[in-house]
Each structure stands twice: as structure tokens, then as C-alpha cells.
């Protein structure tokens, strides 16, 4: 019996110039690919979704190659997602996640609905960046209180106790998040 086999090679992804990114996609096999803005985002998502690591591969869009310079960030995620959607239109396993940064709600909705992403671009809308979801008022208050007492005493002289400091920190955070 004569069987024919197809040779596996990386020509399918030759439209991606960055060899490190291309290799990371190839290593993912059949997993869903989620492009993220940077190394820290990749680590956070891998921790948050560790029970799905056998199905999803988070790829840092800022991976560098000695031959190309990658800019990373949301523009790189969008560019990679657009390329994958364009060149591999039948392959529905590519997605992108970016931070809101300074975009208005209307700008986010327009961006997400662009046909070039095929409804596979996700943008955090509640907070400025992914890391902002980890802001915890008690930890920040304790940290600031300790730093103030140990070093400059500037904040400690204006605030009598930790509850006052906690209220002050909460007000500052709420203002920033708005």
C-alpha cells in the first residue's frame, strides 16, 4: 500500500517576518492563538487561564528577532491579527487582546468591529490596562503608609491613620479610573 504524506513546514506562516513569532505559532500546534501586547500580559494570561494551557497559546507580540524590529503593544497585536485573518481566512484560531489605553468607548467599539479582525479582537474596556485590574486598595494603602513613614513622612503627616489613607488612595484611584 502506497501512502502519501504532506511535508510539514512553516511556509504556511511565511507572511510573518519575525522568525520568533512564526516559531511560537508553529509550536502551538492546533491550539488557539491569542496575541497579547507584551511578556507581562502573556504571563498574567497563562496564570489566569492555566487550566486551558493545553488549548490556548498566548503569544507575546513584542517577541524580537535579530533580523527584524518589532514594536509590540496594541498596534503589533492588531497587525498580527489582521495578517492572520487575511492570509489564513479559513483558520479561525487567531485572536488578539489589547488594552484600552486612552481610547474612548466609541473608539473601542469602532476598532473591535472593523472587518479586518473578523470579530476576534478583544479590548479591555473597564480599565486603562490589564494590570489595573489588580489594583487593590488595602495593599496600596499599606504600601504607601509604610513608604511614607520610612522615607519622607510627607503623606503620613497629612493623614492620621490607615483608614484615612485608604480613603485618600481610593479617591485617587477612582478619579484615575474614571
N, C-alpha and C. Protein backbone atom coordinates (compact mmCIF):
# COMPACT_ATOMS: atom_id res chain seq x y z
N UNK A 1 0.83 -1.17 0.00
CA UNK A 1 0.00 0.00 0.00
C UNK A 1 0.89 1.25 0.00
N UNK A 2 0.63 2.13 -0.92
CA UNK A 2 1.43 3.33 -1.06
C UNK A 2 0.68 4.52 -0.45
N UNK A 3 1.22 5.11 0.62
CA UNK A 3 0.58 6.24 1.29
C UNK A 3 1.32 7.52 0.96
N UNK A 4 0.56 8.59 0.84
CA UNK A 4 1.17 9.88 0.59
C UNK A 4 1.03 10.75 1.85
N UNK A 5 2.10 11.42 2.18
CA UNK A 5 2.11 12.30 3.33
C UNK A 5 2.51 13.70 2.88
N UNK A 6 1.90 14.68 3.53
CA UNK A 6 2.29 16.07 3.28
C UNK A 6 3.44 16.44 4.21
N UNK A 7 4.41 17.12 3.67
CA UNK A 7 5.52 17.59 4.48
C UNK A 7 5.07 18.79 5.30
N UNK A 8 5.40 18.76 6.58
CA UNK A 8 5.06 19.88 7.46
C UNK A 8 6.19 20.88 7.38
N UNK A 9 5.85 22.12 7.06
CA UNK A 9 6.86 23.17 7.06
C UNK A 9 6.21 24.48 7.49
N UNK A 10 7.02 25.51 7.63
CA UNK A 10 6.49 26.77 8.13
C UNK A 10 6.09 27.73 7.01
N UNK A 11 5.98 27.25 5.80
CA UNK A 11 5.60 28.11 4.68
C UNK A 11 4.20 28.70 4.86
N UNK A 12 3.37 27.99 5.60
CA UNK A 12 2.01 28.48 5.86
C UNK A 12 2.05 29.85 6.55
N UNK A 13 3.08 30.08 7.35
CA UNK A 13 3.19 31.32 8.12
C UNK A 13 4.30 32.23 7.60
N UNK A 14 4.69 32.06 6.37
CA UNK A 14 5.79 32.84 5.82
C UNK A 14 5.49 34.34 5.73
N UNK A 15 4.23 34.72 5.82
CA UNK A 15 3.87 36.14 5.79
C UNK A 15 4.29 36.85 7.09
N UNK A 16 4.65 36.09 8.12
CA UNK A 16 5.12 36.67 9.38
C UNK A 16 6.65 36.75 9.29
N UNK A 17 7.15 37.98 9.24
CA UNK A 17 8.59 38.19 9.08
C UNK A 17 9.39 37.76 10.30
N UNK A 18 8.84 37.98 11.46
CA UNK A 18 9.58 37.72 12.70
C UNK A 18 9.66 36.21 12.95
N UNK A 19 10.85 35.68 12.87
CA UNK A 19 11.06 34.23 12.99
C UNK A 19 10.64 33.71 14.36
N UNK A 20 10.85 34.50 15.42
CA UNK A 20 10.46 34.06 16.76
C UNK A 20 8.94 33.92 16.88
N UNK A 21 8.23 34.88 16.34
CA UNK A 21 6.76 34.79 16.35
C UNK A 21 6.28 33.60 15.53
N UNK A 22 6.86 33.46 14.35
CA UNK A 22 6.48 32.34 13.48
C UNK A 22 6.72 31.00 14.17
N UNK A 23 7.88 30.85 14.81
CA UNK A 23 8.18 29.60 15.51
C UNK A 23 7.24 29.36 16.68
N UNK A 24 6.88 30.41 17.38
CA UNK A 24 5.95 30.27 18.51
C UNK A 24 4.58 29.80 18.02
N UNK A 25 4.14 30.31 16.88
CA UNK A 25 2.86 29.88 16.30
C UNK A 25 2.94 28.42 15.88
N UNK A 26 4.03 28.05 15.25
CA UNK A 26 4.22 26.66 14.81
C UNK A 26 4.22 25.72 16.01
N UNK A 27 4.91 26.09 17.08
CA UNK A 27 4.98 25.27 18.29
C UNK A 27 3.62 25.09 18.95
N UNK A 28 2.72 26.03 18.71
CA UNK A 28 1.38 25.95 19.32
C UNK A 28 0.57 24.80 18.76
N UNK A 29 0.96 24.29 17.61
CA UNK A 29 0.22 23.19 17.00
C UNK A 29 -1.20 23.62 16.64
N UNK A 30 -2.18 22.92 17.20
CA UNK A 30 -3.58 23.23 16.88
C UNK A 30 -4.28 24.08 17.93
N UNK A 31 -3.52 24.58 18.88
CA UNK A 31 -4.10 25.41 19.93
C UNK A 31 -4.62 26.73 19.35
N UNK A 32 -5.56 27.34 20.05
CA UNK A 32 -5.98 28.70 19.73
C UNK A 32 -4.80 29.61 20.03
N UNK A 33 -4.59 30.61 19.18
CA UNK A 33 -3.51 31.57 19.35
C UNK A 33 -4.12 32.89 19.79
N UNK A 34 -3.62 33.42 20.90
CA UNK A 34 -4.08 34.73 21.37
C UNK A 34 -2.86 35.64 21.44
N UNK A 35 -2.82 36.65 20.57
CA UNK A 35 -1.73 37.62 20.59
C UNK A 35 -2.00 38.63 21.70
N UNK A 36 -0.99 38.86 22.53
CA UNK A 36 -1.09 39.83 23.61
C UNK A 36 0.03 40.86 23.45
N UNK A 37 -0.10 41.97 24.14
CA UNK A 37 0.80 43.10 23.92
C UNK A 37 2.24 42.90 24.35
N UNK A 38 2.47 42.13 25.39
CA UNK A 38 3.83 42.00 25.88
C UNK A 38 4.02 40.79 26.77
N UNK A 39 5.26 40.64 27.22
CA UNK A 39 5.64 39.49 28.03
C UNK A 39 4.83 39.43 29.32
N UNK A 40 4.63 40.57 29.99
CA UNK A 40 3.89 40.57 31.25
C UNK A 40 2.44 40.15 31.04
N UNK A 41 1.82 40.59 29.96
CA UNK A 41 0.45 40.17 29.65
C UNK A 41 0.40 38.66 29.42
N UNK A 42 1.38 38.15 28.71
CA UNK A 42 1.45 36.70 28.43
C UNK A 42 1.48 35.91 29.73
N UNK A 43 2.34 36.33 30.65
CA UNK A 43 2.47 35.64 31.93
C UNK A 43 1.16 35.70 32.72
N UNK A 44 0.55 36.87 32.77
CA UNK A 44 -0.71 37.03 33.51
C UNK A 44 -1.79 36.13 32.93
N UNK A 45 -1.95 36.13 31.62
CA UNK A 45 -2.97 35.28 30.99
C UNK A 45 -2.68 33.79 31.19
N UNK A 46 -1.42 33.41 31.13
CA UNK A 46 -1.08 32.00 31.36
C UNK A 46 -1.42 31.57 32.78
N UNK A 47 -1.26 32.47 33.73
CA UNK A 47 -1.63 32.16 35.12
C UNK A 47 -3.15 32.12 35.26
N UNK A 48 -3.83 33.11 34.72
CA UNK A 48 -5.29 33.18 34.85
C UNK A 48 -5.99 32.02 34.15
N UNK A 49 -5.43 31.55 33.05
CA UNK A 49 -6.07 30.50 32.26
C UNK A 49 -5.25 29.22 32.23
N UNK A 50 -4.55 28.93 33.34
CA UNK A 50 -3.66 27.77 33.35
C UNK A 50 -4.38 26.45 33.07
N UNK A 51 -5.66 26.35 33.43
CA UNK A 51 -6.39 25.11 33.16
C UNK A 51 -6.70 24.94 31.67
N UNK A 52 -6.47 25.99 30.87
CA UNK A 52 -6.71 25.91 29.42
C UNK A 52 -5.41 25.96 28.62
N UNK A 53 -4.26 25.90 29.28
CA UNK A 53 -2.98 25.99 28.57
C UNK A 53 -2.76 24.88 27.55
N UNK A 54 -3.54 23.80 27.66
CA UNK A 54 -3.43 22.75 26.65
C UNK A 54 -4.26 23.07 25.41
N UNK A 55 -5.07 24.14 25.47
CA UNK A 55 -5.93 24.52 24.34
C UNK A 55 -5.61 25.90 23.77
N UNK A 56 -4.95 26.73 24.58
CA UNK A 56 -4.68 28.11 24.18
C UNK A 56 -3.19 28.40 24.31
N UNK A 57 -2.66 29.14 23.34
CA UNK A 57 -1.27 29.60 23.41
C UNK A 57 -1.29 31.12 23.36
N UNK A 58 -0.83 31.75 24.42
CA UNK A 58 -0.71 33.21 24.46
C UNK A 58 0.65 33.57 23.89
N UNK A 59 0.65 34.47 22.92
CA UNK A 59 1.90 34.83 22.25
C UNK A 59 2.17 36.31 22.43
N UNK A 60 3.34 36.59 22.95
CA UNK A 60 3.81 37.96 23.17
C UNK A 60 4.13 38.57 21.81
N UNK A 61 3.39 39.60 21.43
CA UNK A 61 3.57 40.21 20.11
C UNK A 61 4.86 41.01 20.02
N UNK A 62 5.51 41.25 21.14
CA UNK A 62 6.74 42.04 21.12
C UNK A 62 7.99 41.19 21.00
N UNK A 63 7.83 39.87 20.72
CA UNK A 63 9.00 39.00 20.55
C UNK A 63 9.95 39.61 19.53
N UNK A 64 11.21 39.58 19.84
CA UNK A 64 12.20 40.19 18.95
C UNK A 64 12.96 39.13 18.17
N UNK A 65 13.36 39.49 17.00
CA UNK A 65 14.24 38.66 16.18
C UNK A 65 15.49 39.47 15.88
N UNK A 66 16.57 38.81 15.64
CA UNK A 66 17.79 39.54 15.30
C UNK A 66 17.68 40.22 13.94
N UNK A 67 16.71 39.78 13.13
CA UNK A 67 16.57 40.33 11.77
C UNK A 67 15.52 41.43 11.66
N UNK A 68 14.58 41.45 12.59
CA UNK A 68 13.50 42.44 12.48
C UNK A 68 13.29 43.13 13.82
N UNK A 69 12.80 44.31 13.76
CA UNK A 69 12.44 45.03 14.98
C UNK A 69 10.92 45.03 15.09
N UNK A 70 10.43 44.57 16.24
CA UNK A 70 9.00 44.51 16.48
C UNK A 70 8.65 45.61 17.46
N UNK A 71 7.54 46.29 17.25
CA UNK A 71 7.18 47.40 18.11
C UNK A 71 6.35 46.97 19.31
N UNK A 72 5.75 45.78 19.28
CA UNK A 72 4.94 45.30 20.40
C UNK A 72 3.71 46.16 20.60
N UNK A 73 3.06 45.97 21.71
CA UNK A 73 1.91 46.79 22.04
C UNK A 73 0.69 46.48 21.20
N UNK A 74 -0.32 47.32 21.36
CA UNK A 74 -1.60 47.05 20.70
C UNK A 74 -1.50 47.12 19.18
N UNK A 75 -0.65 47.98 18.65
CA UNK A 75 -0.53 48.07 17.19
C UNK A 75 0.03 46.78 16.60
N UNK A 76 0.97 46.16 17.31
CA UNK A 76 1.54 44.90 16.82
C UNK A 76 0.51 43.78 16.91
N UNK A 77 -0.26 43.75 18.00
CA UNK A 77 -1.31 42.73 18.13
C UNK A 77 -2.32 42.87 16.98
N UNK A 78 -2.75 44.09 16.72
CA UNK A 78 -3.72 44.32 15.64
C UNK A 78 -3.14 43.95 14.28
N UNK A 79 -1.89 44.29 14.05
CA UNK A 79 -1.24 43.97 12.79
C UNK A 79 -1.12 42.45 12.58
N UNK A 80 -0.70 41.74 13.63
CA UNK A 80 -0.58 40.28 13.54
C UNK A 80 -1.94 39.63 13.31
N UNK A 81 -2.94 40.09 14.04
CA UNK A 81 -4.29 39.53 13.87
C UNK A 81 -4.81 39.79 12.46
N UNK A 82 -4.63 41.00 11.96
CA UNK A 82 -5.07 41.32 10.60
C UNK A 82 -4.38 40.43 9.57
N UNK A 83 -3.08 40.23 9.75
CA UNK A 83 -2.32 39.38 8.82
C UNK A 83 -2.83 37.95 8.84
N UNK A 84 -3.05 37.42 10.03
CA UNK A 84 -3.52 36.03 10.14
C UNK A 84 -4.92 35.87 9.56
N UNK A 85 -5.79 36.84 9.82
CA UNK A 85 -7.15 36.79 9.27
C UNK A 85 -7.10 36.90 7.75
N UNK A 86 -6.20 37.75 7.25
CA UNK A 86 -6.10 37.97 5.81
C UNK A 86 -5.49 36.76 5.09
N UNK A 87 -4.36 36.28 5.58
CA UNK A 87 -3.64 35.20 4.90
C UNK A 87 -4.21 33.81 5.18
N UNK A 88 -4.84 33.66 6.34
CA UNK A 88 -5.36 32.35 6.73
C UNK A 88 -6.85 32.46 7.03
N UNK A 89 -7.60 32.93 6.06
CA UNK A 89 -9.03 33.24 6.29
C UNK A 89 -9.85 32.04 6.75
N UNK A 90 -9.44 30.84 6.42
CA UNK A 90 -10.19 29.65 6.86
C UNK A 90 -9.76 29.15 8.23
N UNK A 91 -8.67 29.68 8.76
CA UNK A 91 -8.16 29.25 10.06
C UNK A 91 -8.72 30.17 11.14
N UNK A 92 -9.67 29.69 11.91
CA UNK A 92 -10.40 30.51 12.87
C UNK A 92 -9.80 30.46 14.28
N UNK A 93 -8.51 30.24 14.40
CA UNK A 93 -7.92 30.07 15.73
C UNK A 93 -7.08 31.24 16.20
N UNK A 94 -7.07 32.36 15.49
CA UNK A 94 -6.24 33.50 15.87
C UNK A 94 -7.10 34.61 16.47
N UNK A 95 -6.61 35.15 17.61
CA UNK A 95 -7.32 36.20 18.34
C UNK A 95 -6.31 37.22 18.85
N UNK A 96 -6.81 38.36 19.27
CA UNK A 96 -5.96 39.38 19.85
C UNK A 96 -6.63 40.03 21.04
N UNK A 97 -5.84 40.38 22.05
CA UNK A 97 -6.34 41.08 23.23
C UNK A 97 -5.44 42.28 23.46
N UNK A 98 -6.06 43.46 23.57
CA UNK A 98 -5.29 44.68 23.81
C UNK A 98 -5.91 45.49 24.95
N UNK A 99 -5.12 46.41 25.46
CA UNK A 99 -5.59 47.32 26.50
C UNK A 99 -6.38 48.47 25.88
N UNK A 100 -7.17 49.08 26.69
CA UNK A 100 -7.96 50.24 26.27
C UNK A 100 -7.06 51.45 26.05
N UNK A 101 -6.02 51.57 26.84
CA UNK A 101 -5.14 52.73 26.83
C UNK A 101 -5.96 54.01 26.97
N UNK A 102 -5.82 54.97 26.10
CA UNK A 102 -6.54 56.23 26.25
C UNK A 102 -7.73 56.35 25.30
N UNK A 103 -8.19 55.25 24.76
CA UNK A 103 -9.28 55.28 23.79
C UNK A 103 -10.64 55.53 24.46
N UNK A 104 -11.48 56.28 23.78
CA UNK A 104 -12.86 56.49 24.23
C UNK A 104 -13.68 55.25 23.91
N UNK A 105 -14.82 55.09 24.60
CA UNK A 105 -15.69 53.93 24.36
C UNK A 105 -16.08 53.80 22.90
N UNK A 106 -16.40 54.90 22.26
CA UNK A 106 -16.82 54.86 20.86
C UNK A 106 -15.67 54.40 19.96
N UNK A 107 -14.46 54.83 20.28
CA UNK A 107 -13.29 54.40 19.50
C UNK A 107 -13.06 52.89 19.65
N UNK A 108 -13.28 52.39 20.85
CA UNK A 108 -13.11 50.96 21.10
C UNK A 108 -14.11 50.15 20.29
N UNK A 109 -15.36 50.56 20.31
CA UNK A 109 -16.40 49.84 19.56
C UNK A 109 -16.11 49.85 18.07
N UNK A 110 -15.68 50.98 17.54
CA UNK A 110 -15.35 51.07 16.11
C UNK A 110 -14.19 50.14 15.79
N UNK A 111 -13.16 50.14 16.65
CA UNK A 111 -11.98 49.30 16.43
C UNK A 111 -12.34 47.82 16.44
N UNK A 112 -13.12 47.40 17.45
CA UNK A 112 -13.47 45.98 17.59
C UNK A 112 -14.28 45.47 16.40
N UNK A 113 -15.09 46.33 15.81
CA UNK A 113 -16.00 45.90 14.74
C UNK A 113 -15.41 46.01 13.33
N UNK A 114 -14.17 46.43 13.23
CA UNK A 114 -13.54 46.50 11.91
C UNK A 114 -13.52 45.11 11.29
N UNK A 115 -13.93 44.98 10.04
CA UNK A 115 -13.98 43.66 9.40
C UNK A 115 -12.62 42.97 9.30
N UNK A 116 -11.56 43.73 9.31
CA UNK A 116 -10.23 43.12 9.16
C UNK A 116 -9.86 42.22 10.35
N UNK A 117 -10.58 42.35 11.47
CA UNK A 117 -10.31 41.49 12.63
C UNK A 117 -11.28 40.32 12.73
N UNK A 118 -12.30 40.33 11.92
CA UNK A 118 -13.29 39.25 11.88
C UNK A 118 -13.86 38.94 13.27
N UNK A 119 -14.11 39.99 14.05
CA UNK A 119 -14.69 39.89 15.40
C UNK A 119 -13.81 39.08 16.35
N UNK A 120 -12.50 39.14 16.16
CA UNK A 120 -11.60 38.37 17.02
C UNK A 120 -10.61 39.25 17.78
N UNK A 121 -10.90 40.56 17.83
CA UNK A 121 -10.09 41.47 18.62
C UNK A 121 -10.88 41.83 19.87
N UNK A 122 -10.26 41.63 21.02
CA UNK A 122 -10.91 41.94 22.29
C UNK A 122 -10.13 43.05 22.98
N UNK A 123 -10.87 44.03 23.52
CA UNK A 123 -10.25 45.19 24.15
C UNK A 123 -10.81 45.33 25.56
N UNK A 124 -9.91 45.47 26.54
CA UNK A 124 -10.36 45.73 27.89
C UNK A 124 -11.03 47.09 27.93
N UNK A 125 -12.25 47.15 28.44
CA UNK A 125 -12.95 48.43 28.41
C UNK A 125 -13.14 49.06 29.79
N UNK A 126 -13.06 48.28 30.84
CA UNK A 126 -13.32 48.82 32.18
C UNK A 126 -12.16 49.64 32.72
N UNK A 127 -10.94 49.26 32.38
CA UNK A 127 -9.76 49.92 32.93
C UNK A 127 -8.74 50.19 31.84
N UNK A 128 -7.78 51.05 32.17
CA UNK A 128 -6.76 51.52 31.24
C UNK A 128 -5.91 50.37 30.68
N UNK A 129 -5.42 49.49 31.56
CA UNK A 129 -4.61 48.36 31.13
C UNK A 129 -4.99 47.12 31.93
N UNK A 130 -4.51 45.97 31.49
CA UNK A 130 -4.74 44.71 32.19
C UNK A 130 -4.26 44.80 33.64
N UNK A 131 -3.11 45.38 33.85
CA UNK A 131 -2.53 45.46 35.19
C UNK A 131 -3.41 46.24 36.15
N UNK A 132 -4.21 47.18 35.65
CA UNK A 132 -5.09 47.97 36.51
C UNK A 132 -6.17 47.14 37.19
N UNK A 133 -6.46 45.96 36.65
CA UNK A 133 -7.45 45.09 37.28
C UNK A 133 -6.92 44.52 38.60
N UNK A 134 -5.62 44.64 38.83
CA UNK A 134 -5.01 44.09 40.04
C UNK A 134 -4.77 45.14 41.11
N UNK A 135 -5.27 46.35 40.90
CA UNK A 135 -5.13 47.39 41.92
C UNK A 135 -6.02 47.03 43.10
N UNK A 136 -5.42 46.93 44.25
CA UNK A 136 -6.15 46.57 45.47
C UNK A 136 -5.88 47.66 46.50
N UNK A 137 -6.92 48.32 46.95
CA UNK A 137 -6.79 49.50 47.79
C UNK A 137 -6.07 49.21 49.11
N UNK A 138 -6.39 48.11 49.77
CA UNK A 138 -5.73 47.81 51.06
C UNK A 138 -4.23 47.64 50.90
N UNK A 139 -3.82 46.94 49.86
CA UNK A 139 -2.39 46.72 49.64
C UNK A 139 -1.70 48.04 49.31
N UNK A 140 -2.31 48.84 48.45
CA UNK A 140 -1.73 50.14 48.10
C UNK A 140 -1.63 51.05 49.32
N UNK A 141 -2.67 51.08 50.12
CA UNK A 141 -2.67 51.93 51.32
C UNK A 141 -1.56 51.52 52.27
N UNK A 142 -1.44 50.23 52.53
CA UNK A 142 -0.39 49.74 53.43
C UNK A 142 1.00 50.05 52.87
N UNK A 143 1.16 49.85 51.57
CA UNK A 143 2.44 50.14 50.93
C UNK A 143 2.79 51.62 51.06
N UNK A 144 1.84 52.50 50.72
CA UNK A 144 2.10 53.93 50.79
C UNK A 144 2.34 54.40 52.22
N UNK A 145 1.59 53.85 53.15
CA UNK A 145 1.76 54.23 54.55
C UNK A 145 3.16 53.85 55.02
N UNK A 146 3.60 52.65 54.71
CA UNK A 146 4.94 52.21 55.09
C UNK A 146 6.03 53.04 54.43
N UNK A 147 5.88 53.32 53.15
CA UNK A 147 6.88 54.12 52.43
C UNK A 147 6.95 55.52 53.00
N UNK A 148 5.80 56.09 53.29
CA UNK A 148 5.74 57.45 53.80
C UNK A 148 6.41 57.56 55.17
N UNK A 149 6.12 56.61 56.03
CA UNK A 149 6.71 56.63 57.37
C UNK A 149 8.21 56.38 57.29
N UNK A 150 8.62 55.42 56.48
CA UNK A 150 10.03 55.04 56.41
C UNK A 150 10.91 56.08 55.71
N UNK A 151 10.36 56.82 54.77
CA UNK A 151 11.21 57.71 53.99
C UNK A 151 10.90 59.19 54.21
N UNK A 152 9.90 59.70 53.55
CA UNK A 152 9.73 61.16 53.56
C UNK A 152 8.75 61.67 54.60
N UNK A 153 7.90 60.85 55.11
CA UNK A 153 6.86 61.23 56.08
C UNK A 153 5.91 62.30 55.54
N UNK A 154 5.95 62.56 54.24
CA UNK A 154 5.09 63.59 53.65
C UNK A 154 3.62 63.20 53.74
N UNK A 155 3.32 61.98 53.32
CA UNK A 155 1.92 61.55 53.33
C UNK A 155 1.46 61.28 54.75
N UNK A 156 2.31 60.69 55.57
CA UNK A 156 1.93 60.35 56.94
C UNK A 156 1.61 61.60 57.75
N UNK A 157 2.26 62.71 57.45
CA UNK A 157 1.99 63.93 58.20
C UNK A 157 0.62 64.52 57.86
N UNK A 158 0.08 64.20 56.69
CA UNK A 158 -1.23 64.70 56.28
C UNK A 158 -2.36 63.76 56.64
N UNK A 159 -2.04 62.53 56.93
CA UNK A 159 -3.05 61.51 57.19
C UNK A 159 -2.81 60.93 58.58
N UNK A 160 -3.87 60.93 59.41
CA UNK A 160 -3.72 60.49 60.80
C UNK A 160 -3.67 58.98 60.96
N UNK A 161 -4.43 58.24 60.17
CA UNK A 161 -4.44 56.79 60.34
C UNK A 161 -4.60 56.09 58.99
N UNK A 162 -4.55 54.77 59.03
CA UNK A 162 -4.62 53.97 57.80
C UNK A 162 -5.97 54.09 57.11
N UNK A 163 -7.04 54.24 57.86
CA UNK A 163 -8.37 54.37 57.23
C UNK A 163 -8.46 55.67 56.43
N UNK A 164 -7.88 56.72 56.97
CA UNK A 164 -7.85 57.98 56.21
C UNK A 164 -7.02 57.81 54.94
N UNK A 165 -5.90 57.13 55.09
CA UNK A 165 -5.03 56.89 53.94
C UNK A 165 -5.75 56.03 52.91
N UNK A 166 -6.45 55.01 53.38
CA UNK A 166 -7.21 54.13 52.48
C UNK A 166 -8.26 54.94 51.70
N UNK A 167 -8.95 55.83 52.39
CA UNK A 167 -9.96 56.68 51.72
C UNK A 167 -9.29 57.58 50.69
N UNK A 168 -8.15 58.17 51.06
CA UNK A 168 -7.41 59.03 50.14
C UNK A 168 -6.99 58.25 48.89
N UNK A 169 -6.42 57.06 49.09
CA UNK A 169 -5.98 56.22 47.97
C UNK A 169 -7.17 55.84 47.10
N UNK A 170 -8.28 55.44 47.71
CA UNK A 170 -9.48 55.06 46.96
C UNK A 170 -9.97 56.21 46.10
N UNK A 171 -9.99 57.41 46.64
CA UNK A 171 -10.43 58.59 45.88
C UNK A 171 -9.52 58.84 44.68
N UNK A 172 -8.21 58.71 44.91
CA UNK A 172 -7.26 58.91 43.82
C UNK A 172 -7.46 57.86 42.73
N UNK A 173 -7.58 56.60 43.14
CA UNK A 173 -7.77 55.51 42.17
C UNK A 173 -9.07 55.68 41.40
N UNK A 174 -10.16 56.00 42.12
CA UNK A 174 -11.44 56.21 41.44
C UNK A 174 -11.35 57.32 40.40
N UNK A 175 -10.66 58.39 40.75
CA UNK A 175 -10.50 59.50 39.82
C UNK A 175 -9.69 59.08 38.59
N UNK A 176 -8.64 58.32 38.83
CA UNK A 176 -7.81 57.84 37.71
C UNK A 176 -8.61 56.92 36.80
N UNK A 177 -9.38 56.01 37.39
CA UNK A 177 -10.12 55.03 36.61
C UNK A 177 -11.25 55.65 35.80
N UNK A 178 -11.78 56.76 36.28
CA UNK A 178 -12.82 57.44 35.51
C UNK A 178 -12.23 58.07 34.29
